[in-house]
Amino acid sequence: MTDVLLRGGLPWGLGAPADILVRAGRVARVSLSPVEAPGAQVHDVSGQLVLPGLVEAHCHLDKTLYGGPWVPHSAGDTLSGRISNDLGRRAELGVPSVARITALLERMSRAGTTHVRTHTDIDPAAGLRGVEAVREAAAASPIDVRQVAFPQHGVLTNPGTAELLEEALKSGVEAVGGLDPAGIDRDPVRHLDLIFGLAGRYGTHLDIHLHDGGTLGGWELRLIIERTKALGLRGRVAVSHAYALGQLDEAAQDHLVEGLAEAGVAVVTAAVYDFPVPPVKKLRAAGVTVACGHDGIRDLWGPYGSGDMLERAMHVAYRSTFRRDDDIELALEAATVGGARALGLDDYGLAPGDRADLVVVPAGSPAEAVVVHPARTLVMKDGVVLHN
């Protein structure tokens, strides 16, 4: 593998121009002085910001309509309306589609995303078709794609789903998912016992969609915290959306934030529409890992989503009413190293020894990169320049 030298860029967090030498897929050296590297492939990125690869920590690749003809949105405004729209039209529109997933992964790669966690529908009607379609598309992409076996239509209320979740994990799917243990399955204890049991049995990660809000959602978060601690799953559990965190009074919120930090449970937000956004600043101050993602990207649940994680970080910052540069930077953290932590990725960043997943943008500061989300001038994955 040829060495690569990025000359004169502004590595995030360093505060000064530096040369970055990449060797054998890793950051070998970060130097304020010019680096001599005979035979290296040299890219002059002077004055441009260098970031770790962007991490999409929550999307639904199997549902996407990206890359095909525009499909007017047809779902209602309720959760049940969106679920029924998805179920009713996916066969008509050929969902999942390997071609469309491939097109979206290409868009993501060009926008600097190097790792994706995608929630793939598992139910008796779909079987494992979504898992297989995502795998086929991912095999042709430089992006590292990790799947969550996701029971979009319930587990307990949809007989046969639990067995398919286990089949997906046996086939190598990296995480098991859950969905509103109270609101959808109407039995939080049994639902959580089942999915935590699967995660423990197969040594996988666990990522739970939690739309249930208010005190109900807060109670479910406490159940998740308790199980994570009891089963020793620190660093392997994430709660996606966690709307309740943005709705509870300050005392209840503080108690849950402290519990999430103690248990090592990550929070993933998409900051979509007008749904509550978890208190990113408070979570990070307590040491909770915060990641972000698009959720749906141009699919039967909604027509929005670009595949650009800098744009998504802007939505997180905007919905959080962040204005100061250091606050806006928290959204960028969620879209990079926060996502890497949630996915369990080691050695992720810009220090020597870190994996060489790098993105270069024409911006003078991290906050500017989030607000402007400019073009990517160079994207590197595992030390290989993919786009420039």
Protein backbone atom coordinates (compact mmCIF):
# COMPACT_ATOMS: atom_id res chain seq x y z
CA MET A 1 0.00 0.00 0.00
CA THR A 2 1.40 3.39 -1.04
CA ASP A 3 2.03 5.95 1.70
CA VAL A 4 -0.17 9.05 1.49
CA LEU A 5 0.85 12.50 2.71
CA LEU A 6 -1.74 15.20 3.35
CA ARG A 7 0.23 18.44 3.27
CA GLY A 8 -0.64 21.53 5.32
CA GLY A 9 -4.18 20.71 6.43
CA LEU A 10 -5.89 21.77 9.65
CA PRO A 11 -6.46 18.62 11.71
CA TRP A 12 -9.51 19.00 13.93
CA GLY A 13 -8.41 19.76 17.47
CA LEU A 14 -4.78 20.60 16.68
CA GLY A 15 -5.23 24.33 16.10
CA ALA A 16 -2.43 24.69 13.56
CA PRO A 17 -1.51 23.49 10.05
CA ALA A 18 0.15 20.09 9.98
CA ASP A 19 1.26 17.30 7.69
CA ILE A 20 -0.45 13.92 8.11
CA LEU A 21 1.41 10.83 6.96
CA VAL A 22 -0.68 7.73 6.33
CA ARG A 23 0.98 4.33 6.14
CA ALA A 24 -0.54 0.84 5.91
CA GLY A 25 -4.06 2.14 6.48
CA ARG A 26 -3.22 4.04 9.67
CA VAL A 27 -2.26 7.56 10.65
CA ALA A 28 1.51 7.20 11.04
CA ARG A 29 2.46 10.76 11.90
CA VAL A 30 0.93 14.20 12.51
CA SER A 31 3.59 16.89 12.36
CA LEU A 32 3.66 20.67 12.63
CA SER A 33 6.90 20.54 10.66
CA PRO A 34 7.06 19.44 7.00
CA VAL A 35 7.27 15.66 6.64
CA GLU A 36 9.61 14.08 4.15
CA ALA A 37 8.08 10.93 2.68
CA PRO A 38 9.84 9.79 -0.51
CA GLY A 39 7.52 7.87 -2.79
CA ALA A 40 4.37 8.94 -0.97
CA GLN A 41 1.26 10.09 -2.80
CA VAL A 42 1.08 13.77 -1.84
CA HIS A 43 -2.12 15.84 -1.58
CA ASP A 44 -1.86 19.55 -0.85
CA VAL A 45 -4.78 20.35 1.47
CA SER A 46 -3.37 23.60 2.80
CA GLY A 47 -5.84 25.66 4.81
CA GLN A 48 -8.53 22.96 4.72
CA LEU A 49 -10.03 21.18 7.69
CA VAL A 50 -9.18 17.49 8.17
CA LEU A 51 -11.79 15.40 10.00
CA PRO A 52 -12.15 11.73 10.91
CA GLY A 53 -14.43 9.81 8.58
CA LEU A 54 -18.11 10.56 9.13
CA VAL A 55 -20.20 7.88 10.83
CA GLU A 56 -23.87 7.34 9.97
CA ALA A 57 -25.10 5.71 13.18
CA HIS A 58 -28.80 5.30 12.38
CA CYS A 59 -30.40 4.81 8.98
CA HIS A 60 -32.55 2.31 7.06
CA LEU A 61 -30.73 1.38 3.85
CA ASP A 62 -33.15 -1.43 3.04
CA LYS A 63 -36.06 1.01 2.81
CA THR A 64 -34.46 3.61 0.55
CA LEU A 65 -35.86 4.79 -2.78
CA TYR A 66 -32.70 6.82 -3.45
CA GLY A 67 -31.38 6.65 -7.00
CA GLY A 68 -34.72 5.73 -8.54
CA PRO A 69 -37.52 7.88 -9.97
CA TRP A 70 -39.10 10.33 -7.54
CA VAL A 71 -41.95 8.72 -5.60
CA PRO A 72 -44.52 11.16 -4.16
CA HIS A 73 -44.89 10.55 -0.45
CA SER A 74 -48.09 8.73 0.48
CA ALA A 75 -48.01 8.08 4.25
CA GLY A 76 -50.09 9.78 6.88
CA ASP A 77 -48.72 11.74 9.81
CA THR A 78 -49.05 9.03 12.45
CA LEU A 79 -46.57 6.27 13.27
CA SER A 80 -49.19 3.65 12.38
CA GLY A 81 -49.85 5.46 9.09
CA ARG A 82 -46.20 5.35 8.13
CA ILE A 83 -45.90 1.69 9.08
CA SER A 84 -48.94 0.73 7.00
CA ASN A 85 -47.67 2.80 4.04
CA ASP A 86 -44.36 0.98 4.23
CA LEU A 87 -46.01 -2.44 4.40
CA GLY A 88 -48.52 -1.65 1.67
CA ARG A 89 -46.14 -0.29 -0.95
CA ARG A 90 -42.78 -1.98 -0.51
CA ALA A 91 -43.61 -4.85 -2.90
CA GLU A 92 -45.05 -2.43 -5.47
CA LEU A 93 -41.87 -0.32 -5.42
CA GLY A 94 -39.40 -3.17 -5.24
CA VAL A 95 -38.15 -2.49 -1.71
CA PRO A 96 -35.51 -3.57 -0.78
CA SER A 97 -33.54 -2.76 -3.94
CA VAL A 98 -29.83 -3.57 -4.23
CA ALA A 99 -29.45 -0.92 -6.95
CA ARG A 100 -30.95 1.82 -4.78
CA ILE A 101 -28.97 0.82 -1.70
CA THR A 102 -25.83 0.86 -3.85
CA ALA A 103 -26.66 4.34 -5.16
CA LEU A 104 -27.17 5.65 -1.61
CA LEU A 105 -23.92 4.10 -0.36
CA GLU A 106 -22.07 5.77 -3.23
CA ARG A 107 -23.60 9.12 -2.30
CA MET A 108 -22.66 8.57 1.35
CA SER A 109 -19.09 7.66 0.44
CA ARG A 110 -18.62 10.77 -1.69
CA ALA A 111 -19.95 12.83 1.22
CA GLY A 112 -17.27 11.39 3.51
CA THR A 113 -19.13 8.66 5.38
CA THR A 114 -16.88 5.70 6.10
CA HIS A 115 -19.04 3.68 8.51
CA VAL A 116 -22.79 3.02 8.57
CA ARG A 117 -25.11 1.32 11.04
CA THR A 118 -28.37 0.46 9.32
CA HIS A 119 -31.56 -0.96 10.82
CA THR A 120 -32.87 -3.67 8.51
CA ASP A 121 -36.50 -4.76 8.70
CA ILE A 122 -37.02 -8.29 9.95
CA ASP A 123 -40.56 -9.73 9.83
CA PRO A 124 -42.29 -12.87 8.58
CA ALA A 125 -43.36 -11.21 5.32
CA ALA A 126 -39.90 -9.88 4.43
CA GLY A 127 -37.85 -12.65 5.99
CA LEU A 128 -34.16 -11.87 5.61
CA ARG A 129 -34.45 -10.31 2.13
CA GLY A 130 -33.42 -6.92 3.47
CA VAL A 131 -30.36 -8.36 5.18
CA GLU A 132 -29.31 -10.07 1.97
CA ALA A 133 -29.89 -6.96 -0.17
CA VAL A 134 -27.87 -4.74 2.17
CA ARG A 135 -25.05 -7.29 2.25
CA GLU A 136 -24.92 -7.48 -1.53
CA ALA A 137 -24.75 -3.70 -1.89
CA ALA A 138 -22.25 -3.33 0.95
CA ALA A 139 -19.91 -5.89 -0.63
CA ALA A 140 -19.39 -3.51 -3.54
CA SER A 141 -18.90 -0.41 -1.37
CA PRO A 142 -15.81 0.85 0.47
CA ILE A 143 -18.06 1.83 3.40
CA ASP A 144 -18.08 -0.48 6.41
CA VAL A 145 -21.77 -1.37 6.82
CA ARG A 146 -23.11 -2.92 10.02
CA GLN A 147 -26.68 -4.11 10.27
CA VAL A 148 -29.19 -4.15 13.10
CA ALA A 149 -31.85 -6.86 12.90
CA PHE A 150 -34.80 -4.54 13.38
CA PRO A 151 -38.36 -5.63 14.26
CA GLN A 152 -40.11 -2.68 12.61
CA HIS A 153 -43.55 -4.18 13.13
CA GLY A 154 -43.08 -5.52 16.64
CA VAL A 155 -41.71 -8.72 18.14
CA LEU A 156 -44.32 -10.02 20.55
CA THR A 157 -47.23 -8.70 18.48
CA ASN A 158 -45.86 -10.18 15.24
CA PRO A 159 -45.44 -13.96 15.67
CA GLY A 160 -42.40 -15.43 13.98
CA THR A 161 -40.32 -12.26 14.27
CA ALA A 162 -38.32 -13.38 17.32
CA GLU A 163 -37.18 -16.52 15.49
CA LEU A 164 -36.15 -14.45 12.45
CA LEU A 165 -34.18 -12.04 14.64
CA GLU A 166 -32.21 -15.01 15.95
CA GLU A 167 -31.73 -16.36 12.43
CA ALA A 168 -30.34 -12.97 11.35
CA LEU A 169 -27.87 -12.94 14.24
CA LYS A 170 -26.78 -16.49 13.43
CA SER A 171 -26.07 -15.33 9.87
CA GLY A 172 -23.68 -12.65 11.16
CA VAL A 173 -25.83 -9.55 11.59
CA GLU A 174 -23.91 -7.37 14.04
CA ALA A 175 -26.68 -6.07 16.31
CA VAL A 176 -30.21 -6.80 17.46
CA GLY A 177 -32.83 -4.08 17.54
CA GLY A 178 -35.91 -3.26 19.56
CA LEU A 179 -38.88 -0.98 19.06
CA ASP A 180 -41.07 0.78 21.64
CA PRO A 181 -41.40 -2.11 24.13
CA ALA A 182 -44.53 -0.46 25.56
CA GLY A 183 -46.02 1.49 22.66
CA ILE A 184 -45.72 -1.25 20.02
CA ASP A 185 -45.31 -4.56 21.86
CA ARG A 186 -47.30 -3.50 24.96
CA ASP A 187 -45.11 -5.64 27.24
CA PRO A 188 -41.82 -3.85 28.04
CA VAL A 189 -40.47 -6.52 30.37
CA ARG A 190 -40.94 -9.44 27.94
CA HIS A 191 -39.74 -7.39 24.98
CA LEU A 192 -36.53 -6.30 26.73
CA ASP A 193 -35.92 -9.75 28.18
CA LEU A 194 -36.11 -11.19 24.67
CA ILE A 195 -33.82 -8.75 22.85
CA PHE A 196 -31.30 -8.44 25.68
CA GLY A 197 -31.25 -12.24 25.83
CA LEU A 198 -30.42 -12.41 22.13
CA ALA A 199 -27.67 -9.80 22.45
CA GLY A 200 -26.13 -11.67 25.36
CA ARG A 201 -26.39 -15.08 23.68
CA TYR A 202 -24.77 -13.97 20.41
CA GLY A 203 -22.37 -11.35 21.77
CA THR A 204 -23.84 -8.58 19.64
CA HIS A 205 -24.64 -4.92 20.10
CA LEU A 206 -28.19 -3.78 20.87
CA ASP A 207 -29.89 -0.67 19.46
CA ILE A 208 -33.45 0.12 20.57
CA HIS A 209 -35.78 2.57 18.80
CA LEU A 210 -37.59 4.41 21.60
CA HIS A 211 -40.28 6.78 20.37
CA ASP A 212 -42.39 6.36 23.52
CA GLY A 213 -42.31 9.75 25.21
CA GLY A 214 -42.84 11.39 28.58
CA THR A 215 -42.87 9.37 31.78
CA LEU A 216 -43.57 6.13 29.91
CA GLY A 217 -40.43 6.53 27.82
CA GLY A 218 -38.49 7.57 30.91
CA TRP A 219 -39.55 4.39 32.70
CA GLU A 220 -38.46 2.29 29.70
CA LEU A 221 -35.09 4.04 29.69
CA ARG A 222 -34.66 3.04 33.33
CA LEU A 223 -35.43 -0.58 32.45
CA ILE A 224 -32.81 -0.44 29.67
CA ILE A 225 -30.24 1.07 32.04
CA GLU A 226 -30.92 -1.61 34.68
CA ARG A 227 -30.57 -4.49 32.21
CA THR A 228 -27.41 -3.07 30.65
CA LYS A 229 -25.75 -2.84 34.06
CA ALA A 230 -27.00 -6.22 35.28
CA LEU A 231 -25.80 -8.04 32.15
CA GLY A 232 -22.46 -6.23 31.86
CA LEU A 233 -23.23 -4.82 28.40
CA ARG A 234 -21.53 -1.45 28.87
CA GLY A 235 -20.59 0.07 25.51
CA ARG A 236 -22.79 -2.36 23.56
CA VAL A 237 -26.24 -0.78 24.04
CA ALA A 238 -27.68 2.27 22.30
CA VAL A 239 -31.07 3.95 22.46
CA SER A 240 -32.13 5.63 19.23
CA HIS A 241 -34.40 8.69 19.26
CA ALA A 242 -35.02 8.63 23.04
CA TYR A 243 -37.71 11.31 22.69
CA ALA A 244 -38.56 11.11 26.38
CA LEU A 245 -35.21 12.65 27.29
CA GLY A 246 -36.28 15.85 25.56
CA GLN A 247 -39.68 15.95 27.26
CA LEU A 248 -39.11 15.23 30.95
CA ASP A 249 -38.61 17.83 33.67
CA GLU A 250 -35.03 18.69 34.59
CA ALA A 251 -34.83 16.49 37.70
CA ALA A 252 -36.08 13.39 35.89
CA GLN A 253 -33.87 14.18 32.93
CA ASP A 254 -30.78 14.57 35.12
CA HIS A 255 -31.47 11.25 36.84
CA LEU A 256 -31.70 9.42 33.51
CA VAL A 257 -28.62 11.12 32.09
CA GLU A 258 -26.64 10.03 35.14
CA GLY A 259 -27.96 6.48 34.74
CA LEU A 260 -27.06 6.34 31.04
CA ALA A 261 -23.53 7.50 31.85
CA GLU A 262 -23.10 4.92 34.63
CA ALA A 263 -24.39 2.08 32.46
CA GLY A 264 -22.46 3.10 29.34
CA VAL A 265 -25.58 3.34 27.18
CA ALA A 266 -25.24 5.50 24.06
CA VAL A 267 -27.93 7.83 22.70
CA VAL A 268 -28.46 8.24 18.95
CA THR A 269 -30.50 11.12 17.56
CA ALA A 270 -31.66 12.01 14.07
CA ALA A 271 -33.19 15.39 14.97
CA VAL A 272 -36.00 14.82 12.49
CA TYR A 273 -39.07 16.97 11.91
CA ASP A 274 -40.39 18.40 15.20
CA PHE A 275 -39.77 15.33 17.35
CA PRO A 276 -37.94 15.96 20.64
CA VAL A 277 -34.15 16.00 20.54
CA PRO A 278 -32.24 14.57 23.52
CA PRO A 279 -30.20 17.14 25.50
CA VAL A 280 -26.92 16.66 23.63
CA LYS A 281 -24.94 19.15 25.68
CA LYS A 282 -26.05 17.70 29.01
CA LEU A 283 -25.47 14.14 27.85
CA ARG A 284 -21.92 14.87 26.70
CA ALA A 285 -21.12 16.80 29.89
CA ALA A 286 -22.06 13.65 31.82
CA GLY A 287 -19.91 11.45 29.60
CA VAL A 288 -22.70 9.77 27.63
CA THR A 289 -21.80 8.78 24.08
CA VAL A 290 -23.98 10.69 21.59
CA ALA A 291 -24.19 9.69 17.94
CA CYS A 292 -26.44 10.74 15.07
CA GLY A 293 -27.86 9.61 11.77
CA HIS A 294 -30.49 10.38 9.17
CA ASP A 295 -33.11 7.79 10.12
CA GLY A 296 -35.01 7.35 6.82
CA ILE A 297 -33.43 8.58 3.61
CA ARG A 298 -35.92 9.17 0.80
CA ASP A 299 -38.15 6.22 1.56
CA LEU A 300 -41.76 5.26 2.27
CA TRP A 301 -41.56 6.95 5.67
CA GLY A 302 -40.53 10.36 4.33
CA PRO A 303 -39.08 12.04 1.24
CA TYR A 304 -36.16 13.78 2.99
CA GLY A 305 -32.52 12.86 3.55
CA SER A 306 -29.38 13.51 1.54
CA GLY A 307 -26.84 11.01 2.84
CA ASP A 308 -24.56 13.89 3.93
CA MET A 309 -23.62 13.54 7.58
CA LEU A 310 -22.30 17.11 7.85
CA GLU A 311 -25.75 18.29 6.83
CA ARG A 312 -27.28 15.95 9.42
CA ALA A 313 -24.92 17.34 12.07
CA MET A 314 -26.23 20.80 11.14
CA HIS A 315 -29.79 19.61 11.82
CA VAL A 316 -28.72 18.28 15.23
CA ALA A 317 -27.04 21.59 16.09
CA TYR A 318 -29.96 23.66 14.79
CA ARG A 319 -32.63 21.62 16.60
CA SER A 320 -30.52 21.85 19.77
CA THR A 321 -30.43 25.69 19.35
CA PHE A 322 -26.63 25.64 19.35
CA ARG A 323 -25.05 28.95 18.32
CA ARG A 324 -21.61 28.98 19.93
CA ASP A 325 -18.83 27.26 18.02
CA ASP A 326 -18.00 24.90 20.88
CA ASP A 327 -21.63 23.78 21.11
CA ILE A 328 -21.96 23.30 17.35
CA GLU A 329 -18.81 21.17 17.53
CA LEU A 330 -20.73 18.70 19.72
CA ALA A 331 -22.93 17.91 16.71
CA LEU A 332 -19.83 17.22 14.62
CA GLU A 333 -18.52 14.97 17.36
CA ALA A 334 -21.79 13.00 17.22
CA ALA A 335 -21.33 12.54 13.46
CA THR A 336 -17.75 11.27 13.80
CA VAL A 337 -16.11 9.93 16.96
CA GLY A 338 -19.44 9.67 18.83
CA GLY A 339 -20.79 7.44 16.12
CA ALA A 340 -17.58 5.41 16.18
CA ARG A 341 -17.93 4.86 19.94
CA ALA A 342 -21.57 3.82 19.58
CA LEU A 343 -20.59 1.25 16.95
CA GLY A 344 -17.71 -0.03 19.06
CA LEU A 345 -14.98 1.12 16.67
CA ASP A 346 -11.51 1.39 18.18
CA ASP A 347 -8.71 3.76 17.16
CA TYR A 348 -10.98 6.32 15.56
CA GLY A 349 -9.70 9.86 15.23
CA LEU A 350 -6.69 11.79 13.99
CA ALA A 351 -3.94 10.59 16.33
CA PRO A 352 -1.01 8.40 15.27
CA GLY A 353 -2.18 4.79 15.24
CA ASP A 354 -5.79 5.66 14.40
CA ARG A 355 -7.34 4.11 11.32
CA ALA A 356 -6.88 6.38 8.33
CA ASP A 357 -10.52 7.23 7.65
CA LEU A 358 -10.24 10.92 6.82
CA VAL A 359 -12.31 13.66 5.21
CA VAL A 360 -11.06 17.05 4.00
CA VAL A 361 -13.35 20.05 3.61
CA PRO A 362 -12.71 23.71 2.66
CA ALA A 363 -13.56 25.14 6.07
CA GLY A 364 -11.55 27.03 8.66
CA SER A 365 -13.22 25.54 11.73
CA PRO A 366 -15.38 22.58 12.78
CA ALA A 367 -18.38 24.85 13.37
CA GLU A 368 -18.10 26.26 9.86
CA ALA A 369 -17.97 22.74 8.44
CA VAL A 370 -21.26 21.91 10.20
CA VAL A 371 -23.09 25.12 9.33
CA VAL A 372 -21.94 25.32 5.69
CA HIS A 373 -21.47 21.56 5.09
CA PRO A 374 -19.19 22.32 2.13
CA ALA A 375 -18.04 20.01 -0.64
CA ARG A 376 -15.68 17.19 0.31
CA THR A 377 -12.33 17.72 -1.41
CA LEU A 378 -10.81 14.40 -0.31
CA VAL A 379 -12.21 11.22 1.23
CA MET A 380 -9.97 8.45 2.51
CA LYS A 381 -10.92 5.02 3.82
CA ASP A 382 -8.34 2.72 5.42
CA GLY A 383 -5.53 4.77 3.90
CA VAL A 384 -6.89 4.68 0.36
CA VAL A 385 -8.03 7.92 -1.31
CA LEU A 386 -11.51 7.21 -2.64
CA HIS A 387 -12.59 10.66 -3.85
CA ASN A 388 -10.68 13.89 -4.49
